[in-house]
Amino acid sequence: MKISSIAKAVVSGIAAGSAAGVTAVQDNVVTAGEGVTIVLAVLAAWGITWAVPNKPTRDI
């Protein structure tokens, strides 16, 4: 099965954003700093996932 880089980046962004979001709402308030952290987590996950190439498949 071949998974595109875009699909992996979207999933990693959702995972990073939700992890940062859950941490941010522990006190039932999301501050501006926490919002920035969520956005940066999503952008970093997208960028890192997009930059790392898929492992080449071996033809058997």
PDB file of N, CA and C in Angstrom:
ATOM      1  N   MET A   1       0.840  -1.165   0.000  1.00  0.00           N
ATOM      2  CA  MET A   1       0.000   0.000   0.000  1.00  0.00           C
ATOM      3  C   MET A   1       0.890   1.235   0.000  1.00  0.00           C
ATOM      4  N   LYS A   2       0.557   2.191  -0.863  1.00  0.00           N
ATOM      5  CA  LYS A   2       1.338   3.407  -0.963  1.00  0.00           C
ATOM      6  C   LYS A   2       0.552   4.557  -0.354  1.00  0.00           C
ATOM      7  N   ILE A   3       1.147   5.212   0.621  1.00  0.00           N
ATOM      8  CA  ILE A   3       0.521   6.350   1.288  1.00  0.00           C
ATOM      9  C   ILE A   3       1.243   7.603   0.826  1.00  0.00           C
ATOM     10  N   SER A   4       0.482   8.581   0.378  1.00  0.00           N
ATOM     11  CA  SER A   4       1.108   9.800  -0.127  1.00  0.00           C
ATOM     12  C   SER A   4       1.664  10.645   1.019  1.00  0.00           C
ATOM     13  N   SER A   5       2.602  11.512   0.678  1.00  0.00           N
ATOM     14  CA  SER A   5       3.193  12.402   1.670  1.00  0.00           C
ATOM     15  C   SER A   5       2.160  13.352   2.238  1.00  0.00           C
ATOM     16  N   ILE A   6       1.222  13.751   1.410  1.00  0.00           N
ATOM     17  CA  ILE A   6       0.194  14.686   1.883  1.00  0.00           C
ATOM     18  C   ILE A   6      -0.703  14.035   2.924  1.00  0.00           C
ATOM     19  N   ALA A   7      -1.068  12.781   2.727  1.00  0.00           N
ATOM     20  CA  ALA A   7      -1.915  12.081   3.698  1.00  0.00           C
ATOM     21  C   ALA A   7      -1.187  11.912   5.025  1.00  0.00           C
ATOM     22  N   LYS A   8       0.089  11.565   4.951  1.00  0.00           N
ATOM     23  CA  LYS A   8       0.870  11.418   6.184  1.00  0.00           C
ATOM     24  C   LYS A   8       1.004  12.753   6.901  1.00  0.00           C
ATOM     25  N   ALA A   9       1.197  13.836   6.160  1.00  0.00           N
ATOM     26  CA  ALA A   9       1.348  15.144   6.769  1.00  0.00           C
ATOM     27  C   ALA A   9       0.050  15.587   7.441  1.00  0.00           C
ATOM     28  N   VAL A  10      -1.078  15.330   6.809  1.00  0.00           N
ATOM     29  CA  VAL A  10      -2.360  15.714   7.394  1.00  0.00           C
ATOM     30  C   VAL A  10      -2.598  14.953   8.696  1.00  0.00           C
ATOM     31  N   VAL A  11      -2.344  13.658   8.684  1.00  0.00           N
ATOM     32  CA  VAL A  11      -2.546  12.850   9.890  1.00  0.00           C
ATOM     33  C   VAL A  11      -1.607  13.291  11.002  1.00  0.00           C
ATOM     34  N   SER A  12      -0.360  13.570  10.669  1.00  0.00           N
ATOM     35  CA  SER A  12       0.579  14.004  11.704  1.00  0.00           C
ATOM     36  C   SER A  12       0.206  15.380  12.247  1.00  0.00           C
ATOM     37  N   GLY A  13      -0.300  16.260  11.393  1.00  0.00           N
ATOM     38  CA  GLY A  13      -0.752  17.565  11.857  1.00  0.00           C
ATOM     39  C   GLY A  13      -1.936  17.463  12.794  1.00  0.00           C
ATOM     40  N   ILE A  14      -2.879  16.585  12.457  1.00  0.00           N
ATOM     41  CA  ILE A  14      -4.034  16.377  13.327  1.00  0.00           C
ATOM     42  C   ILE A  14      -3.591  15.803  14.673  1.00  0.00           C
ATOM     43  N   ALA A  15      -2.671  14.856  14.643  1.00  0.00           N
ATOM     44  CA  ALA A  15      -2.196  14.245  15.883  1.00  0.00           C
ATOM     45  C   ALA A  15      -1.469  15.266  16.760  1.00  0.00           C
ATOM     46  N   ALA A  16      -0.587  16.044  16.161  1.00  0.00           N
ATOM     47  CA  ALA A  16       0.159  17.037  16.940  1.00  0.00           C
ATOM     48  C   ALA A  16      -0.759  18.135  17.463  1.00  0.00           C
ATOM     49  N   GLY A  17      -1.673  18.592  16.614  1.00  0.00           N
ATOM     50  CA  GLY A  17      -2.601  19.639  17.039  1.00  0.00           C
ATOM     51  C   GLY A  17      -3.532  19.185  18.139  1.00  0.00           C
ATOM     52  N   SER A  18      -4.016  17.958  18.036  1.00  0.00           N
ATOM     53  CA  SER A  18      -4.922  17.472  19.075  1.00  0.00           C
ATOM     54  C   SER A  18      -4.178  17.228  20.381  1.00  0.00           C
ATOM     55  N   ALA A  19      -2.944  16.763  20.310  1.00  0.00           N
ATOM     56  CA  ALA A  19      -2.158  16.567  21.535  1.00  0.00           C
ATOM     57  C   ALA A  19      -1.891  17.901  22.224  1.00  0.00           C
ATOM     58  N   ALA A  20      -1.513  18.904  21.450  1.00  0.00           N
ATOM     59  CA  ALA A  20      -1.277  20.228  22.024  1.00  0.00           C
ATOM     60  C   ALA A  20      -2.587  20.846  22.513  1.00  0.00           C
ATOM     61  N   GLY A  21      -3.674  20.611  21.785  1.00  0.00           N
ATOM     62  CA  GLY A  21      -4.977  21.147  22.172  1.00  0.00           C
ATOM     63  C   GLY A  21      -5.492  20.555  23.469  1.00  0.00           C
ATOM     64  N   VAL A  22      -5.341  19.245  23.620  1.00  0.00           N
ATOM     65  CA  VAL A  22      -5.780  18.590  24.856  1.00  0.00           C
ATOM     66  C   VAL A  22      -4.995  19.122  26.042  1.00  0.00           C
ATOM     67  N   THR A  23      -3.715  19.321  25.858  1.00  0.00           N
ATOM     68  CA  THR A  23      -2.897  19.879  26.930  1.00  0.00           C
ATOM     69  C   THR A  23      -3.320  21.312  27.251  1.00  0.00           C
ATOM     70  N   ALA A  24      -3.667  22.072  26.226  1.00  0.00           N
ATOM     71  CA  ALA A  24      -4.030  23.479  26.430  1.00  0.00           C
ATOM     72  C   ALA A  24      -5.356  23.642  27.161  1.00  0.00           C
ATOM     73  N   VAL A  25      -6.297  22.744  26.990  1.00  0.00           N
ATOM     74  CA  VAL A  25      -7.617  22.924  27.607  1.00  0.00           C
ATOM     75  C   VAL A  25      -7.750  22.231  28.964  1.00  0.00           C
ATOM     76  N   GLN A  26      -6.659  21.819  29.538  1.00  0.00           N
ATOM     77  CA  GLN A  26      -6.720  21.190  30.854  1.00  0.00           C
ATOM     78  C   GLN A  26      -7.323  22.114  31.906  1.00  0.00           C
ATOM     79  N   ASP A  27      -7.100  23.420  31.767  1.00  0.00           N
ATOM     80  CA  ASP A  27      -7.645  24.372  32.738  1.00  0.00           C
ATOM     81  C   ASP A  27      -8.898  25.078  32.207  1.00  0.00           C
ATOM     82  N   ASN A  28      -9.492  24.536  31.143  1.00  0.00           N
ATOM     83  CA  ASN A  28     -10.720  25.061  30.518  1.00  0.00           C
ATOM     84  C   ASN A  28     -10.562  26.441  29.901  1.00  0.00           C
ATOM     85  N   VAL A  29      -9.337  26.894  29.694  1.00  0.00           N
ATOM     86  CA  VAL A  29      -9.069  28.181  29.051  1.00  0.00           C
ATOM     87  C   VAL A  29      -7.898  28.001  28.103  1.00  0.00           C
ATOM     88  N   VAL A  30      -8.060  28.496  26.872  1.00  0.00           N
ATOM     89  CA  VAL A  30      -6.960  28.462  25.912  1.00  0.00           C
ATOM     90  C   VAL A  30      -6.448  29.890  25.759  1.00  0.00           C
ATOM     91  N   THR A  31      -5.233  30.131  26.220  1.00  0.00           N
ATOM     92  CA  THR A  31      -4.643  31.458  26.123  1.00  0.00           C
ATOM     93  C   THR A  31      -4.033  31.651  24.738  1.00  0.00           C
ATOM     94  N   ALA A  32      -3.625  32.866  24.462  1.00  0.00           N
ATOM     95  CA  ALA A  32      -3.008  33.164  23.172  1.00  0.00           C
ATOM     96  C   ALA A  32      -1.709  32.370  22.999  1.00  0.00           C
ATOM     97  N   GLY A  33      -0.946  32.241  24.048  1.00  0.00           N
ATOM     98  CA  GLY A  33       0.302  31.469  23.982  1.00  0.00           C
ATOM     99  C   GLY A  33       0.054  30.005  23.681  1.00  0.00           C
ATOM    100  N   GLU A  34      -0.993  29.460  24.281  1.00  0.00           N
ATOM    101  CA  GLU A  34      -1.337  28.064  24.008  1.00  0.00           C
ATOM    102  C   GLU A  34      -1.834  27.895  22.582  1.00  0.00           C
ATOM    103  N   GLY A  35      -2.566  28.878  22.079  1.00  0.00           N
ATOM    104  CA  GLY A  35      -3.022  28.834  20.694  1.00  0.00           C
ATOM    105  C   GLY A  35      -1.856  28.853  19.724  1.00  0.00           C
ATOM    106  N   VAL A  36      -0.881  29.685  20.019  1.00  0.00           N
ATOM    107  CA  VAL A  36       0.317  29.750  19.185  1.00  0.00           C
ATOM    108  C   VAL A  36       1.060  28.414  19.237  1.00  0.00           C
ATOM    109  N   THR A  37       1.115  27.799  20.402  1.00  0.00           N
ATOM    110  CA  THR A  37       1.774  26.504  20.538  1.00  0.00           C
ATOM    111  C   THR A  37       1.071  25.436  19.702  1.00  0.00           C
ATOM    112  N   ILE A  38      -0.257  25.450  19.689  1.00  0.00           N
ATOM    113  CA  ILE A  38      -1.019  24.493  18.888  1.00  0.00           C
ATOM    114  C   ILE A  38      -0.710  24.683  17.408  1.00  0.00           C
ATOM    115  N   VAL A  39      -0.742  25.928  16.959  1.00  0.00           N
ATOM    116  CA  VAL A  39      -0.474  26.224  15.544  1.00  0.00           C
ATOM    117  C   VAL A  39       0.949  25.818  15.166  1.00  0.00           C
ATOM    118  N   LEU A  40       1.914  26.126  16.013  1.00  0.00           N
ATOM    119  CA  LEU A  40       3.297  25.764  15.721  1.00  0.00           C
ATOM    120  C   LEU A  40       3.498  24.245  15.718  1.00  0.00           C
ATOM    121  N   ALA A  41       2.790  23.538  16.597  1.00  0.00           N
ATOM    122  CA  ALA A  41       2.889  22.077  16.609  1.00  0.00           C
ATOM    123  C   ALA A  41       2.371  21.488  15.305  1.00  0.00           C
ATOM    124  N   VAL A  42       1.246  22.012  14.818  1.00  0.00           N
ATOM    125  CA  VAL A  42       0.681  21.528  13.555  1.00  0.00           C
ATOM    126  C   VAL A  42       1.617  21.842  12.395  1.00  0.00           C
ATOM    127  N   LEU A  43       2.101  23.067  12.324  1.00  0.00           N
ATOM    128  CA  LEU A  43       2.998  23.454  11.231  1.00  0.00           C
ATOM    129  C   LEU A  43       4.303  22.658  11.255  1.00  0.00           C
ATOM    130  N   ALA A  44       4.842  22.430  12.438  1.00  0.00           N
ATOM    131  CA  ALA A  44       6.080  21.649  12.544  1.00  0.00           C
ATOM    132  C   ALA A  44       5.846  20.205  12.106  1.00  0.00           C
ATOM    133  N   ALA A  45       4.736  19.632  12.520  1.00  0.00           N
ATOM    134  CA  ALA A  45       4.434  18.249  12.120  1.00  0.00           C
ATOM    135  C   ALA A  45       4.265  18.155  10.610  1.00  0.00           C
ATOM    136  N   TRP A  46       3.557  19.116  10.014  1.00  0.00           N
ATOM    137  CA  TRP A  46       3.387  19.119   8.560  1.00  0.00           C
ATOM    138  C   TRP A  46       4.733  19.212   7.863  1.00  0.00           C
ATOM    139  N   GLY A  47       5.560  20.155   8.295  1.00  0.00           N
ATOM    140  CA  GLY A  47       6.853  20.378   7.649  1.00  0.00           C
ATOM    141  C   GLY A  47       7.787  19.198   7.773  1.00  0.00           C
ATOM    142  N   ILE A  48       7.877  18.639   8.968  1.00  0.00           N
ATOM    143  CA  ILE A  48       8.791  17.509   9.180  1.00  0.00           C
ATOM    144  C   ILE A  48       8.311  16.289   8.408  1.00  0.00           C
ATOM    145  N   THR A  49       7.012  16.027   8.453  1.00  0.00           N
ATOM    146  CA  THR A  49       6.481  14.864   7.744  1.00  0.00           C
ATOM    147  C   THR A  49       6.629  15.027   6.235  1.00  0.00           C
ATOM    148  N   TRP A  50       6.415  16.219   5.738  1.00  0.00           N
ATOM    149  CA  TRP A  50       6.538  16.477   4.304  1.00  0.00           C
ATOM    150  C   TRP A  50       7.992  16.357   3.849  1.00  0.00           C
ATOM    151  N   ALA A  51       8.936  16.777   4.694  1.00  0.00           N
ATOM    152  CA  ALA A  51      10.346  16.797   4.310  1.00  0.00           C
ATOM    153  C   ALA A  51      10.987  15.409   4.310  1.00  0.00           C
ATOM    154  N   VAL A  52      10.531  14.520   5.171  1.00  0.00           N
ATOM    155  CA  VAL A  52      11.131  13.189   5.267  1.00  0.00           C
ATOM    156  C   VAL A  52      10.535  12.299   4.179  1.00  0.00           C
ATOM    157  N   PRO A  53      11.381  11.762   3.312  1.00  0.00           N
ATOM    158  CA  PRO A  53      10.855  10.939   2.216  1.00  0.00           C
ATOM    159  C   PRO A  53      10.362   9.586   2.712  1.00  0.00           C
ATOM    160  N   ASN A  54       9.455   8.998   1.945  1.00  0.00           N
ATOM    161  CA  ASN A  54       8.995   7.647   2.232  1.00  0.00           C
ATOM    162  C   ASN A  54      10.124   6.669   1.986  1.00  0.00           C
ATOM    163  N   LYS A  55      10.134   5.592   2.749  1.00  0.00           N
ATOM    164  CA  LYS A  55      11.131   4.560   2.551  1.00  0.00           C
ATOM    165  C   LYS A  55      10.887   3.879   1.214  1.00  0.00           C
ATOM    166  N   PRO A  56      11.909   3.776   0.375  1.00  0.00           N
ATOM    167  CA  PRO A  56      11.693   3.120  -0.918  1.00  0.00           C
ATOM    168  C   PRO A  56      11.341   1.638  -0.733  1.00  0.00           C
ATOM    169  N   THR A  57      10.431   1.158  -1.540  1.00  0.00           N
ATOM    170  CA  THR A  57      10.038  -0.246  -1.461  1.00  0.00           C
ATOM    171  C   THR A  57      11.022  -1.098  -2.233  1.00  0.00           C
ATOM    172  N   ARG A  58      11.235  -2.294  -1.745  1.00  0.00           N
ATOM    173  CA  ARG A  58      12.114  -3.227  -2.419  1.00  0.00           C
ATOM    174  C   ARG A  58      11.285  -4.118  -3.295  1.00  0.00           C
ATOM    175  N   ASP A  59      11.663  -4.232  -4.550  1.00  0.00           N
ATOM    176  CA  ASP A  59      10.980  -5.144  -5.453  1.00  0.00           C
ATOM    177  C   ASP A  59      11.481  -6.558  -5.226  1.00  0.00           C
ATOM    178  N   ILE A  60      10.560  -7.440  -4.932  1.00  0.00           N
ATOM    179  CA  ILE A  60      10.952  -8.834  -4.659  1.00  0.00           C
ATOM    180  C   ILE A  60      10.521  -9.706  -5.816  1.00  0.00           C
TER     181      ILE A  60
END
